[in-house]
């Protein structure tokens, strides 16, 4: 998208959310616009940082943003989703950001990744299928590591997995291993939560901002999806 269209979508994020993740933020001028709009007056922070994102956009394409008067970052974790494959996909990461809610002191992970496209149908080529199987396996292993920290997890990914496919069945089966609950599956993108050891994620009103081709306001061809939520400490 053009810089003007990216700017328009970033302003919608600023109006609608307190934290957000992006799956394919792989151009340096995207990061330049993010720093100018979300990073203005240091209202939003980013993982990776705006400067690192601009310098290494492909390695930073899966990223998190949050309002720094509501959350502060305590730590980050990354893992490889897949290496680059010529003619198929650039290198992609799985990224987790541990955010601390300033008022309550409750922490949670925000997670994002982006699986390979074109591997979920029965007629797809064996190489894309092999990459997608590895994507699913690596993603679930990553979530298991985060779950062992005891903190709740809120995640979103562009899985490039359609319902009714072998990959959908495999993905749902593997995500049960981490007790994931899905909200608002649309197309090939998935929004999910995993409760923490002592904290439940209470999901409320959904937030969906549609692209223009579906009657919305976003310039991108994807929708922005999220929800209002509360992190509730369980009684001892």
Protein backbone atom coordinates (compact mmCIF):
# COMPACT_ATOMS: atom_id res chain seq x y z
CA UNK A 1 0.00 0.00 0.00
CA UNK A 2 1.04 3.62 -0.43
CA UNK A 3 2.30 5.59 2.57
CA UNK A 4 -0.95 7.58 2.61
CA UNK A 5 -3.05 4.39 2.79
CA UNK A 6 -0.83 2.93 5.52
CA UNK A 7 -1.21 6.18 7.48
CA UNK A 8 -4.99 5.99 7.20
CA UNK A 9 -5.07 2.45 8.61
CA UNK A 10 -2.67 3.32 11.44
CA UNK A 11 -4.97 6.16 12.48
CA UNK A 12 -7.84 3.65 12.68
CA UNK A 13 -5.72 1.49 14.99
CA UNK A 14 -4.99 4.54 17.14
CA UNK A 15 -8.72 5.35 17.38
CA UNK A 16 -9.93 1.82 18.10
CA UNK A 17 -7.36 -0.13 20.13
CA UNK A 18 -5.08 0.04 23.16
CA UNK A 19 -2.77 -2.65 21.81
CA UNK A 20 -2.42 -4.28 18.40
CA UNK A 21 -0.36 -6.77 16.43
CA UNK A 22 0.48 -6.80 12.72
CA UNK A 23 1.35 -9.82 10.60
CA UNK A 24 3.01 -8.40 7.48
CA UNK A 25 4.64 -5.07 8.30
CA UNK A 26 7.64 -5.76 6.09
CA UNK A 27 8.38 -2.44 4.35
CA UNK A 28 10.58 0.28 5.80
CA UNK A 29 8.14 3.08 4.97
CA UNK A 30 5.40 1.24 6.92
CA UNK A 31 7.62 1.58 9.97
CA UNK A 32 8.33 5.21 9.16
CA UNK A 33 4.62 5.98 9.12
CA UNK A 34 4.08 3.96 12.34
CA UNK A 35 6.75 5.97 14.14
CA UNK A 36 5.22 9.24 12.90
CA UNK A 37 1.64 8.33 13.87
CA UNK A 38 1.70 5.79 16.72
CA UNK A 39 5.11 6.80 18.03
CA UNK A 40 4.32 10.52 18.09
CA UNK A 41 4.91 11.90 21.58
CA UNK A 42 5.84 8.32 22.58
CA UNK A 43 2.15 7.41 23.03
CA UNK A 44 2.60 3.94 21.53
CA UNK A 45 5.60 1.67 21.94
CA UNK A 46 6.53 -1.17 19.60
CA UNK A 47 8.24 -4.56 19.66
CA UNK A 48 10.57 -4.51 17.81
CA UNK A 49 11.31 -0.80 18.19
CA UNK A 50 10.38 1.65 15.44
CA UNK A 51 14.02 2.20 14.53
CA UNK A 52 14.78 -1.51 14.34
CA UNK A 53 11.63 -2.08 12.30
CA UNK A 54 12.66 0.54 9.77
CA UNK A 55 16.22 -0.81 9.58
CA UNK A 56 15.22 -4.50 9.32
CA UNK A 57 11.60 -4.55 8.12
CA UNK A 58 11.43 -8.19 6.95
CA UNK A 59 12.76 -9.47 10.29
CA UNK A 60 10.31 -7.11 12.04
CA UNK A 61 7.21 -7.85 9.94
CA UNK A 62 5.41 -9.64 12.79
CA UNK A 63 5.16 -6.94 15.46
CA UNK A 64 3.28 -5.63 18.50
CA UNK A 65 2.20 -2.12 19.46
CA UNK A 66 0.71 -0.85 22.74
CA UNK A 67 -0.22 2.39 24.51
CA UNK A 68 2.46 3.10 27.04
CA UNK A 69 0.13 4.83 29.52
CA UNK A 70 -1.79 1.53 29.84
CA UNK A 71 0.91 -1.13 29.41
CA UNK A 72 4.65 -1.43 29.74
CA UNK A 73 6.80 -4.13 28.22
CA UNK A 74 8.52 -6.57 30.57
CA UNK A 75 10.14 -8.93 28.07
CA UNK A 76 9.95 -10.32 24.57
CA UNK A 77 10.46 -13.71 22.96
CA UNK A 78 10.84 -14.73 19.33
CA UNK A 79 11.09 -18.01 17.46
CA UNK A 80 11.46 -18.94 13.83
CA UNK A 81 8.22 -19.67 12.00
CA UNK A 82 10.06 -20.55 8.78
CA UNK A 83 13.20 -19.61 6.90
CA UNK A 84 13.01 -17.83 3.58
CA UNK A 85 12.16 -19.97 0.56
CA UNK A 86 12.76 -18.52 -2.91
CA UNK A 87 9.51 -18.10 -4.83
CA UNK A 88 7.43 -19.06 -1.79
CA UNK A 89 7.97 -16.79 1.21
CA UNK A 90 10.39 -14.54 3.02
CA UNK A 91 11.60 -15.51 6.51
CA UNK A 92 8.91 -15.10 9.17
CA UNK A 93 9.00 -15.09 12.97
CA UNK A 94 6.74 -15.87 15.90
CA UNK A 95 6.82 -12.95 18.31
CA UNK A 96 5.61 -12.74 21.91
CA UNK A 97 5.56 -9.56 24.00
CA UNK A 98 4.94 -9.70 27.76
CA UNK A 99 2.91 -6.62 28.70
CA UNK A 100 2.27 -5.40 32.22
CA UNK A 101 -1.04 -3.63 32.86
CA UNK A 102 0.15 -0.59 34.78
CA UNK A 103 -2.93 -0.09 36.98
CA UNK A 104 -3.43 -3.72 38.04
CA UNK A 105 0.05 -5.18 37.70
CA UNK A 106 -1.39 -8.18 35.80
CA UNK A 107 0.82 -9.38 32.97
CA UNK A 108 -0.10 -11.14 29.72
CA UNK A 109 1.58 -12.18 26.49
CA UNK A 110 0.56 -10.81 23.11
CA UNK A 111 1.54 -13.14 20.27
CA UNK A 112 1.62 -12.81 16.49
CA UNK A 113 2.85 -14.79 13.49
CA UNK A 114 2.17 -15.40 9.80
CA UNK A 115 2.13 -18.88 8.25
CA UNK A 116 3.05 -19.70 4.66
CA UNK A 117 0.34 -19.27 2.03
CA UNK A 118 -0.85 -22.02 -0.30
CA UNK A 119 -0.22 -25.17 1.69
CA UNK A 120 -3.59 -26.03 3.21
CA UNK A 121 -5.47 -27.54 0.26
CA UNK A 122 -5.12 -31.20 -0.74
CA UNK A 123 -3.87 -30.24 -4.21
CA UNK A 124 -1.14 -27.89 -3.00
CA UNK A 125 2.50 -28.69 -3.59
CA UNK A 126 4.43 -30.87 -1.11
CA UNK A 127 6.96 -28.16 -0.22
CA UNK A 128 4.30 -25.66 0.87
CA UNK A 129 2.51 -28.40 2.83
CA UNK A 130 5.76 -29.32 4.58
CA UNK A 131 6.42 -25.69 5.51
CA UNK A 132 2.87 -25.25 6.81
CA UNK A 133 3.08 -28.39 8.96
CA UNK A 134 6.29 -27.02 10.47
CA UNK A 135 4.62 -23.62 11.03
CA UNK A 136 1.83 -25.24 13.05
CA UNK A 137 4.24 -27.41 15.05
CA UNK A 138 6.60 -24.52 15.85
CA UNK A 139 3.76 -22.17 16.79
CA UNK A 140 2.25 -24.61 19.29
CA UNK A 141 5.68 -25.32 20.81
CA UNK A 142 6.17 -21.57 21.24
CA UNK A 143 2.79 -21.21 22.96
CA UNK A 144 3.63 -24.09 25.29
CA UNK A 145 6.80 -22.29 26.36
CA UNK A 146 4.88 -19.08 27.03
CA UNK A 147 2.16 -20.96 28.89
CA UNK A 148 4.74 -22.36 31.30
CA UNK A 149 5.42 -18.79 32.49
CA UNK A 150 1.91 -18.79 34.01
CA UNK A 151 0.76 -15.63 32.22
CA UNK A 152 -2.35 -15.40 30.05
CA UNK A 153 -1.91 -15.22 26.27
CA UNK A 154 -3.80 -13.21 23.65
CA UNK A 155 -2.80 -14.08 20.10
CA UNK A 156 -3.60 -13.31 16.51
CA UNK A 157 -2.18 -14.83 13.35
CA UNK A 158 -2.65 -14.94 9.63
CA UNK A 159 -2.55 -18.71 9.36
CA UNK A 160 -3.48 -18.97 5.66
CA UNK A 161 -5.60 -21.96 6.69
CA UNK A 162 -9.17 -22.36 5.40
CA UNK A 163 -11.89 -24.25 7.22
CA UNK A 164 -12.54 -27.79 6.02
CA UNK A 165 -8.92 -28.48 5.04
CA UNK A 166 -6.42 -30.97 6.45
CA UNK A 167 -4.46 -28.03 7.84
CA UNK A 168 -7.51 -26.66 9.68
CA UNK A 169 -8.11 -30.00 11.35
CA UNK A 170 -4.44 -30.28 12.29
CA UNK A 171 -4.29 -26.68 13.57
CA UNK A 172 -7.40 -27.04 15.74
CA UNK A 173 -6.17 -30.36 17.13
CA UNK A 174 -2.77 -28.93 18.07
CA UNK A 175 -4.20 -25.72 19.57
CA UNK A 176 -6.28 -27.84 21.97
CA UNK A 177 -2.96 -28.88 23.53
CA UNK A 178 -2.63 -25.32 24.89
CA UNK A 179 -6.35 -24.86 25.72
CA UNK A 180 -6.80 -22.06 23.18
CA UNK A 181 -10.23 -20.45 22.76
CA UNK A 182 -10.95 -18.85 19.40
CA UNK A 183 -12.97 -15.70 18.77
CA UNK A 184 -14.25 -14.36 15.49
CA UNK A 185 -12.59 -16.61 12.94
CA UNK A 186 -12.81 -14.82 9.61
CA UNK A 187 -11.25 -16.24 6.47
CA UNK A 188 -7.77 -17.49 7.27
CA UNK A 189 -7.05 -15.31 10.31
CA UNK A 190 -7.50 -16.41 13.92
CA UNK A 191 -7.84 -14.52 17.19
CA UNK A 192 -7.47 -16.59 20.37
CA UNK A 193 -6.90 -16.47 24.11
CA UNK A 194 -5.28 -18.84 26.61
CA UNK A 195 -5.95 -18.36 30.32
CA UNK A 196 -3.03 -17.99 32.69
CA UNK A 197 -2.22 -20.06 35.75
CA UNK A 198 -4.06 -17.63 38.05
CA UNK A 199 -5.65 -15.23 35.54
CA UNK A 200 -8.67 -15.66 33.28
CA UNK A 201 -9.18 -13.71 30.06
CA UNK A 202 -12.79 -12.46 30.05
CA UNK A 203 -13.71 -11.57 26.48
CA UNK A 204 -16.36 -8.92 25.85
CA UNK A 205 -17.54 -6.88 22.90
CA UNK A 206 -15.83 -7.70 19.57
CA UNK A 207 -14.16 -4.94 17.58
CA UNK A 208 -14.13 -5.44 13.81
CA UNK A 209 -12.98 -2.82 11.30
CA UNK A 210 -13.64 -3.91 7.73
CA UNK A 211 -11.69 -3.05 4.56
CA UNK A 212 -13.28 -0.77 1.99
CA UNK A 213 -14.13 -3.60 -0.38
CA UNK A 214 -16.38 -5.00 2.37
CA UNK A 215 -18.00 -1.66 3.17
CA UNK A 216 -15.53 -0.53 5.83
CA UNK A 217 -12.80 2.08 6.07
CA UNK A 218 -9.49 0.19 5.96
CA UNK A 219 -7.26 0.51 2.92
CA UNK A 220 -5.76 -2.95 3.38
CA UNK A 221 -7.61 -5.99 2.00
CA UNK A 222 -7.75 -7.53 5.49
CA UNK A 223 -9.99 -6.63 8.42
CA UNK A 224 -8.71 -5.46 11.80
CA UNK A 225 -10.18 -7.61 14.55
CA UNK A 226 -10.06 -7.56 18.30
CA UNK A 227 -12.22 -7.42 21.42
CA UNK A 228 -12.69 -5.70 24.70
CA UNK A 229 -11.35 -7.88 27.49
CA UNK A 230 -10.55 -8.05 31.19
CA UNK A 231 -7.74 -9.96 32.87
CA UNK A 232 -9.27 -11.32 36.06
CA UNK A 233 -7.18 -12.66 38.91
CA UNK A 234 -8.67 -15.85 40.33
CA UNK A 235 -9.48 -15.93 44.02
CA UNK A 236 -6.86 -17.72 46.11
